[in-house]
PDB file of N, CA and C in Angstrom:
ATOM      1  N   MET A   1     201.898  69.281   6.953  1.00  0.00           N
ATOM      2  CA  MET A   1     202.507  68.144   5.807  1.00  0.00           C
ATOM      3  C   MET A   1     202.081  69.994   3.903  1.00  0.00           C
ATOM      4  N   ASP A   2     203.500  69.694   3.180  1.00  0.00           N
ATOM      5  CA  ASP A   2     203.100  70.615   2.551  1.00  0.00           C
ATOM      6  C   ASP A   2     202.911  69.527   1.479  1.00  0.00           C
ATOM      7  N   LYS A   3     203.208  70.596   0.055  1.00  0.00           N
ATOM      8  CA  LYS A   3     202.328  69.629  -1.680  1.00  0.00           C
ATOM      9  C   LYS A   3     203.187  68.412  -1.832  1.00  0.00           C
ATOM     10  N   LYS A   4     204.613  68.459  -1.699  1.00  0.00           N
ATOM     11  CA  LYS A   4     205.789  67.325  -2.005  1.00  0.00           C
ATOM     12  C   LYS A   4     205.213  66.495  -0.929  1.00  0.00           C
ATOM     13  N   GLU A   5     204.951  65.936  -0.072  1.00  0.00           N
ATOM     14  CA  GLU A   5     204.845  65.426   0.690  1.00  0.00           C
ATOM     15  C   GLU A   5     203.533  64.619   0.355  1.00  0.00           C
ATOM     16  N   LYS A   6     202.324  65.242   0.218  1.00  0.00           N
ATOM     17  CA  LYS A   6     201.314  65.510  -0.062  1.00  0.00           C
ATOM     18  C   LYS A   6     201.002  64.535  -1.342  1.00  0.00           C
ATOM     19  N   LYS A   7     201.844  64.596  -2.097  1.00  0.00           N
ATOM     20  CA  LYS A   7     201.885  64.450  -3.526  1.00  0.00           C
ATOM     21  C   LYS A   7     202.997  62.698  -3.535  1.00  0.00           C
ATOM     22  N   ARG A   8     204.196  62.718  -3.010  1.00  0.00           N
ATOM     23  CA  ARG A   8     204.352  61.053  -2.260  1.00  0.00           C
ATOM     24  C   ARG A   8     203.516  60.704  -1.878  1.00  0.00           C
ATOM     25  N   ILE A   9     202.958  60.598  -1.173  1.00  0.00           N
ATOM     26  CA  ILE A   9     201.941  59.977  -0.043  1.00  0.00           C
ATOM     27  C   ILE A   9     200.916  59.499  -1.405  1.00  0.00           C
ATOM     28  N   GLU A  10     200.338  60.294  -1.973  1.00  0.00           N
ATOM     29  CA  GLU A  10     199.611  60.198  -3.322  1.00  0.00           C
ATOM     30  C   GLU A  10     199.957  58.764  -4.126  1.00  0.00           C
ATOM     31  N   VAL A  11     201.780  59.053  -4.664  1.00  0.00           N
ATOM     32  CA  VAL A  11     202.342  58.041  -5.439  1.00  0.00           C
ATOM     33  C   VAL A  11     202.866  56.901  -4.773  1.00  0.00           C
ATOM     34  N   LEU A  12     202.793  57.060  -3.474  1.00  0.00           N
ATOM     35  CA  LEU A  12     203.458  55.564  -2.939  1.00  0.00           C
ATOM     36  C   LEU A  12     201.776  54.873  -2.939  1.00  0.00           C
ATOM     37  N   GLN A  13     200.890  55.115  -2.775  1.00  0.00           N
ATOM     38  CA  GLN A  13     199.627  54.391  -2.138  1.00  0.00           C
ATOM     39  C   GLN A  13     199.208  54.021  -3.680  1.00  0.00           C
ATOM     40  N   GLN A  14     199.214  54.568  -4.703  1.00  0.00           N
ATOM     41  CA  GLN A  14     199.388  53.722  -6.262  1.00  0.00           C
ATOM     42  C   GLN A  14     200.053  53.195  -6.243  1.00  0.00           C
ATOM     43  N   LYS A  15     201.664  53.074  -5.768  1.00  0.00           N
ATOM     44  CA  LYS A  15     202.509  52.275  -5.773  1.00  0.00           C
ATOM     45  C   LYS A  15     201.420  51.299  -5.570  1.00  0.00           C
ATOM     46  N   ILE A  16     201.936  51.216  -4.144  1.00  0.00           N
ATOM     47  CA  ILE A  16     201.040  50.071  -3.250  1.00  0.00           C
ATOM     48  C   ILE A  16     200.381  49.208  -3.743  1.00  0.00           C
ATOM     49  N   ALA A  17     199.095  49.861  -3.608  1.00  0.00           N
ATOM     50  CA  ALA A  17     197.904  49.057  -5.180  1.00  0.00           C
ATOM     51  C   ALA A  17     198.688  48.775  -6.771  1.00  0.00           C
ATOM     52  N   LYS A  18     199.563  49.131  -7.095  1.00  0.00           N
ATOM     53  CA  LYS A  18     200.262  48.409  -7.965  1.00  0.00           C
ATOM     54  C   LYS A  18     201.038  47.000  -7.314  1.00  0.00           C
ATOM     55  N   LEU A  19     201.227  47.215  -6.629  1.00  0.00           N
ATOM     56  CA  LEU A  19     202.417  46.013  -6.201  1.00  0.00           C
ATOM     57  C   LEU A  19     201.670  44.662  -5.251  1.00  0.00           C
ATOM     58  N   GLN A  20     200.453  45.214  -5.066  1.00  0.00           N
ATOM     59  CA  GLN A  20     199.055  43.969  -4.363  1.00  0.00           C
ATOM     60  C   GLN A  20     198.708  43.640  -5.824  1.00  0.00           C
ATOM     61  N   GLN A  21     198.462  43.885  -6.591  1.00  0.00           N
ATOM     62  CA  GLN A  21     197.467  43.524  -7.596  1.00  0.00           C
ATOM     63  C   GLN A  21     199.100  42.542  -8.162  1.00  0.00           C
ATOM     64  N   GLN A  22     200.036  42.733  -8.224  1.00  0.00           N
ATOM     65  CA  GLN A  22     201.168  42.100  -9.089  1.00  0.00           C
ATOM     66  C   GLN A  22     201.479  40.827  -7.831  1.00  0.00           C
ATOM     67  N   LEU A  23     201.508  41.135  -6.396  1.00  0.00           N
ATOM     68  CA  LEU A  23     201.784  40.178  -5.911  1.00  0.00           C
ATOM     69  C   LEU A  23     200.619  39.006  -6.009  1.00  0.00           C
ATOM     70  N   ALA A  24     199.787  39.229  -6.292  1.00  0.00           N
ATOM     71  CA  ALA A  24     198.337  38.395  -6.386  1.00  0.00           C
ATOM     72  C   ALA A  24     198.505  37.989  -7.188  1.00  0.00           C
ATOM     73  N   GLY A  25     198.919  38.434  -8.585  1.00  0.00           N
ATOM     74  CA  GLY A  25     199.131  38.039  -9.943  1.00  0.00           C
ATOM     75  C   GLY A  25     200.506  36.615  -9.616  1.00  0.00           C
ATOM     76  N   ALA A  26     201.264  37.308  -9.420  1.00  0.00           N
ATOM     77  CA  ALA A  26     202.772  36.680  -9.247  1.00  0.00           C
ATOM     78  C   ALA A  26     202.799  34.681  -8.460  1.00  0.00           C
ATOM     79  N   ARG A  27     201.495  34.952  -6.921  1.00  0.00           N
ATOM     80  CA  ARG A  27     201.035  33.796  -6.142  1.00  0.00           C
ATOM     81  C   ARG A  27     200.074  32.875  -7.111  1.00  0.00           C
ATOM     82  N   LYS A  28     199.561  33.503  -7.722  1.00  0.00           N
ATOM     83  CA  LYS A  28     198.049  32.978  -8.611  1.00  0.00           C
ATOM     84  C   LYS A  28     199.177  31.699  -9.725  1.00  0.00           C
ATOM     85  N   GLN A  29     200.248  32.418 -10.288  1.00  0.00           N
ATOM     86  CA  GLN A  29     201.007  31.981 -11.765  1.00  0.00           C
ATOM     87  C   GLN A  29     202.361  32.137 -11.304  1.00  0.00           C
ATOM     88  N   PRO A  30     202.963  31.168 -10.354  1.00  0.00           N
ATOM     89  CA  PRO A  30     204.072  31.614 -10.091  1.00  0.00           C
ATOM     90  C   PRO A  30     205.605  30.802 -10.914  1.00  0.00           C
ATOM     91  N   ASP A  31     205.711  32.018 -12.289  1.00  0.00           N
ATOM     92  CA  ASP A  31     206.526  31.478 -13.245  1.00  0.00           C
ATOM     93  C   ASP A  31     208.111  31.533 -12.485  1.00  0.00           C
ATOM     94  N   ASP A  32     208.168  32.751 -11.920  1.00  0.00           N
ATOM     95  CA  ASP A  32     209.603  32.812 -11.521  1.00  0.00           C
ATOM     96  C   ASP A  32     209.541  33.067  -9.964  1.00  0.00           C
ATOM     97  N   PRO A  33     209.873  32.069  -9.516  1.00  0.00           N
ATOM     98  CA  PRO A  33     209.962  31.831  -7.922  1.00  0.00           C
ATOM     99  C   PRO A  33     210.504  33.174  -7.413  1.00  0.00           C
ATOM    100  N   ALA A  34     211.528  33.661  -7.929  1.00  0.00           N
ATOM    101  CA  ALA A  34     212.261  35.263  -7.374  1.00  0.00           C
ATOM    102  C   ALA A  34     210.668  36.560  -7.430  1.00  0.00           C
ATOM    103  N   ASP A  35     210.439  36.432  -8.046  1.00  0.00           N
ATOM    104  CA  ASP A  35     209.159  37.538  -8.117  1.00  0.00           C
ATOM    105  C   ASP A  35     208.643  37.683  -6.567  1.00  0.00           C
ATOM    106  N   VAL A  36     207.437  36.693  -5.725  1.00  0.00           N
ATOM    107  CA  VAL A  36     207.046  36.692  -4.775  1.00  0.00           C
ATOM    108  C   VAL A  36     208.058  37.483  -3.728  1.00  0.00           C
ATOM    109  N   PRO A  37     209.232  36.915  -3.180  1.00  0.00           N
ATOM    110  CA  PRO A  37     209.846  37.447  -2.483  1.00  0.00           C
ATOM    111  C   PRO A  37     210.474  39.192  -2.909  1.00  0.00           C
ATOM    112  N   ARG A  38     210.179  39.197  -4.273  1.00  0.00           N
ATOM    113  CA  ARG A  38     210.914  41.249  -4.703  1.00  0.00           C
ATOM    114  C   ARG A  38     209.858  41.519  -4.487  1.00  0.00           C
ATOM    115  N   ILE A  39     208.744  41.285  -4.588  1.00  0.00           N
ATOM    116  CA  ILE A  39     207.813  41.972  -4.614  1.00  0.00           C
ATOM    117  C   ILE A  39     207.209  42.356  -3.456  1.00  0.00           C
ATOM    118  N   GLU A  40     207.282  41.454  -2.013  1.00  0.00           N
ATOM    119  CA  GLU A  40     206.411  41.275  -1.161  1.00  0.00           C
ATOM    120  C   GLU A  40     207.740  42.453  -0.273  1.00  0.00           C
ATOM    121  N   LYS A  41     209.556  42.694  -0.812  1.00  0.00           N
ATOM    122  CA  LYS A  41     210.265  43.220  -0.570  1.00  0.00           C
ATOM    123  C   LYS A  41     209.467  44.898  -0.663  1.00  0.00           C
ATOM    124  N   GLU A  42     209.824  44.716  -1.763  1.00  0.00           N
ATOM    125  CA  GLU A  42     208.986  46.390  -2.660  1.00  0.00           C
ATOM    126  C   GLU A  42     207.660  46.796  -1.979  1.00  0.00           C
ATOM    127  N   LEU A  43     206.757  46.260  -1.278  1.00  0.00           N
ATOM    128  CA  LEU A  43     205.440  46.464  -0.877  1.00  0.00           C
ATOM    129  C   LEU A  43     206.383  46.925   0.889  1.00  0.00           C
ATOM    130  N   ALA A  44     206.785  45.807   1.275  1.00  0.00           N
ATOM    131  CA  ALA A  44     207.389  46.229   2.998  1.00  0.00           C
ATOM    132  C   ALA A  44     207.796  47.907   3.051  1.00  0.00           C
ATOM    133  N   ALA A  45     209.040  47.952   1.609  1.00  0.00           N
ATOM    134  CA  ALA A  45     209.533  49.270   1.970  1.00  0.00           C
ATOM    135  C   ALA A  45     208.692  50.589   1.941  1.00  0.00           C
ATOM    136  N   ALA A  46     207.861  50.317   0.533  1.00  0.00           N
ATOM    137  CA  ALA A  46     206.459  51.295   0.192  1.00  0.00           C
ATOM    138  C   ALA A  46     205.834  51.302   1.239  1.00  0.00           C
ATOM    139  N   HIS A  47     205.236  50.898   1.817  1.00  0.00           N
ATOM    140  CA  HIS A  47     204.194  50.931   3.470  1.00  0.00           C
ATOM    141  C   HIS A  47     205.328  51.469   4.356  1.00  0.00           C
ATOM    142  N   ALA A  48     206.671  50.927   4.358  1.00  0.00           N
ATOM    143  CA  ALA A  48     207.725  52.187   5.811  1.00  0.00           C
ATOM    144  C   ALA A  48     208.039  53.217   5.104  1.00  0.00           C
ATOM    145  N   GLU A  49     207.634  53.849   3.974  1.00  0.00           N
ATOM    146  CA  GLU A  49     207.894  54.812   3.384  1.00  0.00           C
ATOM    147  C   GLU A  49     206.958  55.606   3.925  1.00  0.00           C
ATOM    148  N   LEU A  50     205.544  54.990   3.614  1.00  0.00           N
ATOM    149  CA  LEU A  50     204.057  55.875   3.952  1.00  0.00           C
ATOM    150  C   LEU A  50     204.116  55.799   5.178  1.00  0.00           C
ATOM    151  N   SER A  51     204.328  55.365   6.275  1.00  0.00           N
ATOM    152  CA  SER A  51     203.874  55.539   7.556  1.00  0.00           C
ATOM    153  C   SER A  51     205.284  56.480   7.706  1.00  0.00           C
ATOM    154  N   THR A  52     206.402  56.808   7.671  1.00  0.00           N
ATOM    155  CA  THR A  52     207.337  57.819   8.123  1.00  0.00           C
ATOM    156  C   THR A  52     206.899  58.937   7.342  1.00  0.00           C
ATOM    157  N   LEU A  53     206.210  59.011   6.388  1.00  0.00           N
ATOM    158  CA  LEU A  53     205.329  60.194   6.103  1.00  0.00           C
ATOM    159  C   LEU A  53     204.410  60.801   5.968  1.00  0.00           C
ATOM    160  N   LYS A  54     203.508  59.771   7.061  1.00  0.00           N
ATOM    161  CA  LYS A  54     202.203  60.248   7.787  1.00  0.00           C
ATOM    162  C   LYS A  54     202.615  60.721   9.339  1.00  0.00           C
ATOM    163  N   LYS A  55     203.665  60.276   9.713  1.00  0.00           N
ATOM    164  CA  LYS A  55     204.111  60.499  10.900  1.00  0.00           C
ATOM    165  C   LYS A  55     204.264  62.227  11.322  1.00  0.00           C
ATOM    166  N   SER A  56     205.228  62.279   9.714  1.00  0.00           N
ATOM    167  CA  SER A  56     205.680  63.803   9.864  1.00  0.00           C
ATOM    168  C   SER A  56     204.819  64.917   9.976  1.00  0.00           C
TER     169      SER A  56
END
């Protein structure tokens, strides 16, 4: 694993933490019904990329 991959993993972990907070907030206060599915989709994509990076 090189520096770029390590940095990308770090960035993805931060993004996942941020998205989880946004998702919790969107579920508590559903102003826009499209927010929850959009955030869940972004979160799934970030998890998928993270697992791909960790495998290589």
